[in-house]
Amino acid sequence: MSELFNDDWMKKFQNEWNNEPELSGELEKIGFNSVIGYGFKGDDQAAGYIKVENGKVTEAGSYDGQELNWDMRADDNNWEGWIDNGLGMTGLGMSVTTGKLKFNAGDFKAMIKDPRMAGPFIKSFTVMGRV
């Protein structure tokens, strides 16, 4: 899955994100703004990023030094599994606890305790599967 998080993949993810009301619509309600990086464990930097303004992705592409509010890393095979099968709340908790999903930036505990953010976060993995 070498194309995962490349420029083209991230732009497709942007379109899918913005077309999913359970993701962009819910985040718009809380005025969510953030720059989110996606990448692989062991890499020096994220592979791709999105910039979210008021719930909608306004920029997406290959990571090029943007300051990240969130930086998520996992092994390629874990990303593939989550993209193919989605990720529920229990799976998310286990993935973080076991180190399969690592947050190099961002407050996972605060996010997961806020249902206004946790639900859309979980939905973002389902949306990845549409790319």
Protein backbone atom coordinates (compact mmCIF):
# COMPACT_ATOMS: atom_id res chain seq x y z
CA MET A 1 0.00 0.00 0.00
CA SER A 2 2.82 2.38 -0.92
CA GLU A 3 0.37 5.03 -2.13
CA LEU A 4 -1.10 5.34 1.37
CA PHE A 5 -0.90 8.98 2.52
CA ASN A 6 0.75 10.23 -0.67
CA ASP A 7 -0.45 13.51 -2.22
CA ASP A 8 -3.13 11.93 -4.41
CA TRP A 9 -4.43 9.67 -1.63
CA MET A 10 -4.68 12.61 0.79
CA LYS A 11 -6.63 14.71 -1.74
CA LYS A 12 -9.09 11.84 -2.22
CA PHE A 13 -9.36 11.55 1.56
CA GLN A 14 -10.15 15.28 1.68
CA ASN A 15 -13.09 14.79 -0.68
CA GLU A 16 -14.42 11.79 1.23
CA TRP A 17 -14.03 13.61 4.57
CA ASN A 18 -15.91 16.67 3.35
CA ASN A 19 -18.70 14.51 1.88
CA GLU A 20 -19.36 12.67 5.16
CA PRO A 21 -21.78 14.60 7.41
CA GLU A 22 -21.02 12.33 10.39
CA LEU A 23 -17.45 13.57 10.17
CA SER A 24 -17.22 17.07 8.69
CA GLY A 25 -20.74 18.05 9.74
CA GLU A 26 -20.28 16.98 13.35
CA LEU A 27 -16.88 18.69 13.59
CA GLU A 28 -18.33 21.84 12.05
CA LYS A 29 -20.84 22.00 14.92
CA ILE A 30 -17.99 22.35 17.43
CA GLY A 31 -15.82 24.62 15.26
CA PHE A 32 -13.04 22.03 15.00
CA ASN A 33 -9.78 23.35 13.52
CA SER A 34 -6.62 21.30 13.34
CA VAL A 35 -3.71 20.14 11.21
CA ILE A 36 -3.52 16.34 11.27
CA GLY A 37 -0.59 14.26 10.11
CA TYR A 38 -0.70 10.59 9.15
CA GLY A 39 2.34 8.39 8.83
CA PHE A 40 4.31 5.33 9.73
CA LYS A 41 6.15 4.29 12.87
CA GLY A 42 9.87 4.86 12.64
CA ASP A 43 9.64 7.61 10.02
CA ASP A 44 11.11 11.00 10.89
CA GLN A 45 7.99 12.83 9.76
CA ALA A 46 4.40 12.26 8.75
CA ALA A 47 3.71 11.08 5.20
CA GLY A 48 0.54 13.09 4.58
CA TYR A 49 -1.54 15.79 6.25
CA ILE A 50 -4.90 17.48 6.23
CA LYS A 51 -5.82 20.94 7.43
CA VAL A 52 -9.29 21.07 8.96
CA GLU A 53 -11.07 24.40 9.28
CA ASN A 54 -14.48 24.48 10.90
CA GLY A 55 -14.85 20.73 10.34
CA LYS A 56 -14.00 20.74 6.62
CA VAL A 57 -10.66 19.77 5.10
CA THR A 58 -9.34 22.84 3.28
CA GLU A 59 -5.88 21.50 2.42
CA ALA A 60 -4.52 18.00 1.96
CA GLY A 61 -1.40 16.45 0.53
CA SER A 62 2.04 15.11 1.16
CA TYR A 63 3.51 16.34 4.42
CA ASP A 64 5.95 19.19 3.89
CA GLY A 65 6.85 20.52 7.33
CA GLN A 66 3.47 21.86 8.42
CA GLU A 67 3.08 22.31 12.18
CA LEU A 68 0.87 19.44 13.30
CA ASN A 69 -1.70 19.51 16.09
CA TRP A 70 -2.13 15.74 15.68
CA ASP A 71 0.44 13.29 14.35
CA MET A 72 -0.69 9.67 14.16
CA ARG A 73 1.64 6.80 13.36
CA ALA A 74 1.18 3.08 12.83
CA ASP A 75 2.70 0.25 10.84
CA ASP A 76 1.50 -0.16 7.26
CA ASN A 77 -0.30 -3.43 8.03
CA ASN A 78 -2.23 -1.83 10.91
CA TRP A 79 -3.31 1.11 8.73
CA GLU A 80 -4.44 -1.38 6.06
CA GLY A 81 -6.50 -3.33 8.58
CA TRP A 82 -8.22 -0.23 9.93
CA ILE A 83 -8.87 1.11 6.45
CA ASP A 84 -10.33 -2.23 5.31
CA ASN A 85 -12.37 -2.93 8.45
CA GLY A 86 -12.90 0.39 10.20
CA LEU A 87 -12.06 0.94 13.85
CA GLY A 88 -14.52 0.99 16.72
CA MET A 89 -14.09 2.58 20.12
CA THR A 90 -12.85 -0.66 21.72
CA GLY A 91 -10.42 -1.32 18.87
CA LEU A 92 -9.15 2.24 19.10
CA GLY A 93 -8.51 1.93 22.82
CA MET A 94 -6.70 -1.37 22.36
CA SER A 95 -4.65 -0.01 19.46
CA VAL A 96 -3.43 2.91 21.53
CA THR A 97 -2.88 0.81 24.66
CA THR A 98 -0.84 -1.80 22.79
CA GLY A 99 1.12 0.82 20.85
CA LYS A 100 -0.25 -0.14 17.43
CA LEU A 101 -1.45 3.46 17.02
CA LYS A 102 0.84 6.14 18.36
CA PHE A 103 0.15 9.82 18.74
CA ASN A 104 3.36 11.81 18.27
CA ALA A 105 1.29 14.97 18.77
CA GLY A 106 -2.21 15.53 20.12
CA ASP A 107 -4.02 14.74 23.35
CA PHE A 108 -5.64 11.36 22.70
CA LYS A 109 -7.09 11.06 26.22
CA ALA A 110 -8.86 14.43 26.06
CA MET A 111 -10.19 13.71 22.56
CA ILE A 112 -11.54 10.27 23.37
CA LYS A 113 -13.37 11.58 26.46
CA ASP A 114 -15.26 14.13 24.36
CA PRO A 115 -18.01 12.35 22.37
CA ARG A 116 -18.25 15.35 20.03
CA MET A 117 -14.72 14.52 18.88
CA ALA A 118 -14.49 10.77 19.53
CA GLY A 119 -17.36 9.81 17.22
CA PRO A 120 -16.01 11.73 14.22
CA PHE A 121 -12.49 10.43 14.92
CA ILE A 122 -13.76 6.84 14.73
CA LYS A 123 -15.73 7.74 11.58
CA SER A 124 -12.54 9.03 9.92
CA PHE A 125 -11.23 5.45 9.72
CA THR A 126 -14.37 4.34 7.89
CA VAL A 127 -13.96 7.29 5.52
CA MET A 128 -10.35 6.23 4.82
CA GLY A 129 -11.77 2.98 3.49
CA ARG A 130 -13.56 4.90 0.73
CA VAL A 131 -10.34 6.26 -0.75
